[in-house]
């Protein structure tokens, strides 16, 4: 994924880098689904993901990155791909480093 200057600035401001967040999310998905995923792969198009799993993604992002996801940010498109979730974390200004997130949460 190529970062725009806004995305790069957001990453610097939160102490998180997009590749680190993406890698953590890919690991989370692999552990939960026993499948390998790509950054831009539509998680819901293959029929393997449910609305319940989407809520698990919300909880994971909130706990791992210290963000609150509500209102318009709860739309499915924000959780459709790993890249979309990385953009959402940056948009919401998550404050926890990706490396710390993988340390056991």
N, C-alpha and C. Protein backbone atom coordinates (compact mmCIF):
# COMPACT_ATOMS: atom_id res chain seq x y z
N UNK A 1 0.85 -1.18 0.00
CA UNK A 1 0.00 0.00 0.00
C UNK A 1 0.88 1.23 0.00
N UNK A 2 0.57 2.18 -0.81
CA UNK A 2 1.29 3.43 -0.86
C UNK A 2 0.59 4.43 0.04
N UNK A 3 1.36 5.07 0.91
CA UNK A 3 0.77 6.04 1.81
C UNK A 3 0.77 7.41 1.18
N UNK A 4 -0.32 8.16 1.41
CA UNK A 4 -0.32 9.56 1.06
C UNK A 4 0.39 10.30 2.17
N UNK A 5 0.67 11.58 1.95
CA UNK A 5 1.34 12.34 3.00
C UNK A 5 0.45 12.44 4.23
N UNK A 6 -0.87 12.50 4.05
CA UNK A 6 -1.78 12.54 5.20
C UNK A 6 -1.70 11.25 6.00
N UNK A 7 -1.67 10.11 5.30
CA UNK A 7 -1.58 8.84 6.00
C UNK A 7 -0.25 8.71 6.71
N UNK A 8 0.82 9.11 6.08
CA UNK A 8 2.13 9.03 6.70
C UNK A 8 2.19 9.91 7.93
N UNK A 9 1.62 11.12 7.84
CA UNK A 9 1.60 12.01 8.98
C UNK A 9 0.77 11.45 10.11
N UNK A 10 -0.34 10.84 9.77
CA UNK A 10 -1.18 10.24 10.79
C UNK A 10 -0.44 9.10 11.48
N UNK A 11 0.25 8.31 10.69
CA UNK A 11 1.01 7.21 11.28
C UNK A 11 2.07 7.74 12.21
N UNK A 12 2.76 8.80 11.80
CA UNK A 12 3.80 9.37 12.66
C UNK A 12 3.20 9.95 13.92
N UNK A 13 2.03 10.55 13.80
CA UNK A 13 1.38 11.17 14.95
C UNK A 13 0.88 10.16 15.96
N UNK A 14 0.61 8.94 15.54
CA UNK A 14 0.08 7.94 16.46
C UNK A 14 1.14 6.96 16.93
N UNK A 15 2.33 7.05 16.39
CA UNK A 15 3.37 6.09 16.75
C UNK A 15 3.18 4.75 16.08
N UNK A 16 2.32 4.69 15.06
CA UNK A 16 2.04 3.44 14.37
C UNK A 16 2.43 3.57 12.92
N UNK A 17 2.89 2.49 12.34
CA UNK A 17 3.14 2.49 10.91
C UNK A 17 2.14 1.56 10.25
N UNK A 18 1.74 1.91 9.04
CA UNK A 18 0.73 1.13 8.33
C UNK A 18 1.15 -0.33 8.16
N UNK A 19 2.41 -0.61 7.78
CA UNK A 19 2.79 -2.03 7.65
C UNK A 19 2.68 -2.79 8.97
N UNK A 20 3.01 -2.15 10.07
CA UNK A 20 2.92 -2.81 11.38
C UNK A 20 1.48 -3.13 11.75
N UNK A 21 0.58 -2.19 11.51
CA UNK A 21 -0.83 -2.42 11.80
C UNK A 21 -1.36 -3.50 10.87
N UNK A 22 -1.03 -3.41 9.59
CA UNK A 22 -1.50 -4.40 8.63
C UNK A 22 -1.01 -5.80 8.99
N UNK A 23 0.26 -5.91 9.35
CA UNK A 23 0.80 -7.22 9.73
C UNK A 23 0.09 -7.78 10.96
N UNK A 24 -0.18 -6.93 11.94
CA UNK A 24 -0.89 -7.38 13.14
C UNK A 24 -2.29 -7.86 12.77
N UNK A 25 -2.99 -7.09 11.93
CA UNK A 25 -4.34 -7.47 11.52
C UNK A 25 -4.35 -8.75 10.70
N UNK A 26 -3.38 -8.92 9.82
CA UNK A 26 -3.28 -10.16 9.04
C UNK A 26 -3.05 -11.35 9.96
N UNK A 27 -2.25 -11.17 11.01
CA UNK A 27 -2.03 -12.22 11.99
C UNK A 27 -3.29 -12.55 12.76
N UNK A 28 -4.03 -11.51 13.16
CA UNK A 28 -5.31 -11.70 13.86
C UNK A 28 -6.28 -12.49 12.99
N UNK A 29 -6.40 -12.08 11.73
CA UNK A 29 -7.31 -12.77 10.81
C UNK A 29 -6.90 -14.22 10.59
N UNK A 30 -5.61 -14.45 10.39
CA UNK A 30 -5.12 -15.81 10.17
C UNK A 30 -5.40 -16.70 11.37
N UNK A 31 -5.20 -16.16 12.57
CA UNK A 31 -5.43 -16.94 13.78
C UNK A 31 -6.91 -17.28 13.95
N UNK A 32 -7.78 -16.34 13.61
CA UNK A 32 -9.22 -16.55 13.79
C UNK A 32 -9.85 -17.39 12.70
N UNK A 33 -9.33 -17.29 11.48
CA UNK A 33 -9.98 -17.96 10.35
C UNK A 33 -9.22 -19.16 9.82
N UNK A 34 -7.97 -19.33 10.27
CA UNK A 34 -7.11 -20.41 9.77
C UNK A 34 -6.90 -20.30 8.27
N UNK A 35 -6.93 -19.07 7.75
CA UNK A 35 -6.69 -18.79 6.34
C UNK A 35 -5.68 -17.67 6.22
N UNK A 36 -5.06 -17.57 5.06
CA UNK A 36 -4.13 -16.49 4.77
C UNK A 36 -4.87 -15.42 3.98
N UNK A 37 -4.64 -14.16 4.33
CA UNK A 37 -5.34 -13.04 3.71
C UNK A 37 -4.34 -12.06 3.12
N UNK A 38 -4.77 -11.33 2.11
CA UNK A 38 -3.99 -10.25 1.50
C UNK A 38 -4.50 -8.91 2.01
N UNK A 39 -3.67 -7.89 1.93
CA UNK A 39 -4.03 -6.55 2.41
C UNK A 39 -5.30 -6.01 1.76
N UNK A 40 -5.46 -6.29 0.46
CA UNK A 40 -6.58 -5.71 -0.28
C UNK A 40 -7.68 -6.73 -0.60
N UNK A 41 -7.63 -7.88 0.03
CA UNK A 41 -8.63 -8.92 -0.22
C UNK A 41 -9.92 -8.60 0.53
N UNK A 42 -11.05 -8.70 -0.16
CA UNK A 42 -12.35 -8.43 0.45
C UNK A 42 -12.71 -9.58 1.38
N UNK A 43 -12.71 -9.30 2.67
CA UNK A 43 -12.93 -10.34 3.68
C UNK A 43 -14.35 -10.89 3.64
N UNK A 44 -15.29 -10.10 3.16
CA UNK A 44 -16.69 -10.51 3.19
C UNK A 44 -17.17 -11.07 1.86
N UNK A 45 -16.45 -10.84 0.77
CA UNK A 45 -16.87 -11.31 -0.55
C UNK A 45 -16.81 -12.83 -0.65
N UNK A 46 -15.90 -13.45 0.08
CA UNK A 46 -15.74 -14.90 -0.02
C UNK A 46 -16.79 -15.66 0.77
N UNK A 47 -17.61 -14.95 1.52
CA UNK A 47 -18.67 -15.58 2.28
C UNK A 47 -18.23 -16.20 3.58
N UNK A 48 -16.97 -16.08 3.93
CA UNK A 48 -16.48 -16.68 5.16
C UNK A 48 -16.62 -15.80 6.38
N UNK A 49 -16.97 -14.55 6.18
CA UNK A 49 -17.08 -13.63 7.30
C UNK A 49 -18.55 -13.27 7.53
N UNK A 50 -18.90 -13.09 8.76
CA UNK A 50 -20.28 -12.76 9.11
C UNK A 50 -20.32 -11.40 9.79
N UNK A 51 -21.53 -10.92 10.03
CA UNK A 51 -21.67 -9.66 10.76
C UNK A 51 -21.16 -9.82 12.19
N UNK A 52 -21.26 -11.00 12.75
CA UNK A 52 -20.71 -11.25 14.08
C UNK A 52 -19.19 -11.11 14.06
N UNK A 53 -18.56 -11.62 13.02
CA UNK A 53 -17.11 -11.48 12.92
C UNK A 53 -16.74 -10.01 12.73
N UNK A 54 -17.56 -9.26 12.00
CA UNK A 54 -17.31 -7.83 11.84
C UNK A 54 -17.29 -7.14 13.20
N UNK A 55 -18.18 -7.53 14.09
CA UNK A 55 -18.19 -6.94 15.43
C UNK A 55 -16.95 -7.36 16.22
N UNK A 56 -16.47 -8.57 16.00
CA UNK A 56 -15.22 -8.98 16.64
C UNK A 56 -14.06 -8.13 16.15
N UNK A 57 -14.08 -7.77 14.87
CA UNK A 57 -13.06 -6.88 14.33
C UNK A 57 -13.13 -5.51 15.00
N UNK A 58 -14.35 -5.00 15.20
CA UNK A 58 -14.53 -3.71 15.88
C UNK A 58 -13.90 -3.76 17.27
N UNK A 59 -14.25 -4.77 18.04
CA UNK A 59 -13.72 -4.91 19.40
C UNK A 59 -12.20 -5.03 19.37
N UNK A 60 -11.68 -5.82 18.45
CA UNK A 60 -10.23 -5.99 18.35
C UNK A 60 -9.54 -4.66 18.06
N UNK A 61 -10.04 -3.91 17.10
CA UNK A 61 -9.44 -2.62 16.76
C UNK A 61 -9.51 -1.65 17.93
N UNK A 62 -10.65 -1.62 18.61
CA UNK A 62 -10.79 -0.71 19.74
C UNK A 62 -9.83 -1.05 20.87
N UNK A 63 -9.74 -2.32 21.21
CA UNK A 63 -8.86 -2.73 22.31
C UNK A 63 -7.38 -2.62 21.94
N UNK A 64 -7.05 -3.01 20.74
CA UNK A 64 -5.66 -3.06 20.32
C UNK A 64 -5.08 -1.68 20.06
N UNK A 65 -5.86 -0.80 19.46
CA UNK A 65 -5.33 0.50 19.03
C UNK A 65 -5.89 1.68 19.81
N UNK A 66 -6.70 1.43 20.83
CA UNK A 66 -7.19 2.51 21.67
C UNK A 66 -8.09 3.50 20.96
N UNK A 67 -8.87 3.01 20.00
CA UNK A 67 -9.80 3.88 19.28
C UNK A 67 -11.22 3.54 19.69
N UNK A 68 -12.14 4.46 19.42
CA UNK A 68 -13.56 4.22 19.61
C UNK A 68 -14.21 4.30 18.25
N UNK A 69 -14.88 3.23 17.88
CA UNK A 69 -15.52 3.16 16.56
C UNK A 69 -17.02 3.25 16.78
N UNK A 70 -17.63 4.29 16.25
CA UNK A 70 -19.07 4.47 16.44
C UNK A 70 -19.66 5.21 15.24
N UNK A 71 -20.98 5.27 15.22
CA UNK A 71 -21.68 6.02 14.19
C UNK A 71 -21.32 5.60 12.78
N UNK A 72 -21.03 6.59 11.95
CA UNK A 72 -20.75 6.35 10.53
C UNK A 72 -19.52 5.48 10.32
N UNK A 73 -18.61 5.44 11.30
CA UNK A 73 -17.41 4.61 11.15
C UNK A 73 -17.70 3.12 11.25
N UNK A 74 -18.90 2.75 11.67
CA UNK A 74 -19.26 1.34 11.79
C UNK A 74 -19.72 0.71 10.48
N UNK A 75 -19.62 1.43 9.39
CA UNK A 75 -20.06 0.86 8.12
C UNK A 75 -19.12 -0.26 7.67
N UNK A 76 -19.70 -1.27 7.05
CA UNK A 76 -18.97 -2.48 6.68
C UNK A 76 -17.76 -2.19 5.80
N UNK A 77 -17.83 -1.18 4.97
CA UNK A 77 -16.70 -0.88 4.08
C UNK A 77 -15.42 -0.57 4.85
N UNK A 78 -15.52 -0.10 6.08
CA UNK A 78 -14.33 0.18 6.90
C UNK A 78 -13.65 -1.09 7.39
N UNK A 79 -14.30 -2.24 7.23
CA UNK A 79 -13.77 -3.51 7.72
C UNK A 79 -13.62 -4.54 6.59
N UNK A 80 -13.87 -4.11 5.38
CA UNK A 80 -13.88 -5.02 4.23
C UNK A 80 -12.50 -5.56 3.89
N UNK A 81 -11.47 -4.73 4.04
CA UNK A 81 -10.09 -5.15 3.76
C UNK A 81 -9.17 -4.72 4.90
N UNK A 82 -8.01 -5.32 4.96
CA UNK A 82 -7.01 -4.92 5.96
C UNK A 82 -6.61 -3.47 5.70
N UNK A 83 -6.43 -3.09 4.45
CA UNK A 83 -6.07 -1.71 4.13
C UNK A 83 -7.12 -0.73 4.64
N UNK A 84 -8.40 -1.08 4.51
CA UNK A 84 -9.48 -0.21 4.99
C UNK A 84 -9.41 -0.07 6.51
N UNK A 85 -9.10 -1.15 7.22
CA UNK A 85 -9.00 -1.07 8.68
C UNK A 85 -7.81 -0.24 9.12
N UNK A 86 -6.70 -0.34 8.38
CA UNK A 86 -5.53 0.49 8.68
C UNK A 86 -5.90 1.97 8.52
N UNK A 87 -6.58 2.30 7.43
CA UNK A 87 -7.01 3.69 7.22
C UNK A 87 -7.93 4.15 8.34
N UNK A 88 -8.82 3.28 8.80
CA UNK A 88 -9.73 3.64 9.88
C UNK A 88 -8.97 3.92 11.17
N UNK A 89 -8.02 3.07 11.52
CA UNK A 89 -7.21 3.30 12.73
C UNK A 89 -6.50 4.64 12.63
N UNK A 90 -5.92 4.94 11.48
CA UNK A 90 -5.23 6.23 11.29
C UNK A 90 -6.21 7.39 11.42
N UNK A 91 -7.37 7.25 10.79
CA UNK A 91 -8.38 8.31 10.83
C UNK A 91 -8.81 8.60 12.27
N UNK A 92 -8.97 7.55 13.05
CA UNK A 92 -9.44 7.71 14.43
C UNK A 92 -8.32 8.05 15.39
N UNK A 93 -7.09 8.07 14.89
CA UNK A 93 -5.96 8.51 15.72
C UNK A 93 -5.59 7.55 16.82
N UNK A 94 -5.56 6.27 16.50
CA UNK A 94 -5.16 5.27 17.50
C UNK A 94 -3.84 5.63 18.14
N UNK A 95 -3.71 5.37 19.44
CA UNK A 95 -2.55 5.86 20.17
C UNK A 95 -1.60 4.77 20.63
N UNK A 96 -1.91 3.51 20.37
CA UNK A 96 -1.04 2.43 20.85
C UNK A 96 -0.20 1.90 19.71
N UNK A 97 1.04 1.69 19.97
CA UNK A 97 1.95 1.22 18.92
C UNK A 97 1.58 -0.19 18.50
N UNK A 98 1.73 -0.48 17.22
CA UNK A 98 1.39 -1.80 16.69
C UNK A 98 2.22 -2.88 17.35
N UNK A 99 3.46 -2.60 17.63
CA UNK A 99 4.32 -3.61 18.26
C UNK A 99 3.79 -3.98 19.64
N UNK A 100 3.30 -3.02 20.39
CA UNK A 100 2.75 -3.30 21.70
C UNK A 100 1.45 -4.07 21.61
N UNK A 101 0.73 -3.88 20.54
CA UNK A 101 -0.54 -4.56 20.38
C UNK A 101 -0.36 -6.05 20.20
N UNK A 102 0.74 -6.47 19.65
CA UNK A 102 0.94 -7.89 19.41
C UNK A 102 1.53 -8.59 20.62
N UNK A 103 1.76 -7.85 21.68
CA UNK A 103 2.42 -8.42 22.86
C UNK A 103 1.47 -9.18 23.77
N UNK A 104 0.27 -9.49 23.29
CA UNK A 104 -0.57 -10.35 24.11
C UNK A 104 -1.99 -9.90 24.27
N UNK A 105 -2.43 -8.96 23.49
CA UNK A 105 -3.83 -8.55 23.60
C UNK A 105 -4.66 -9.27 22.58
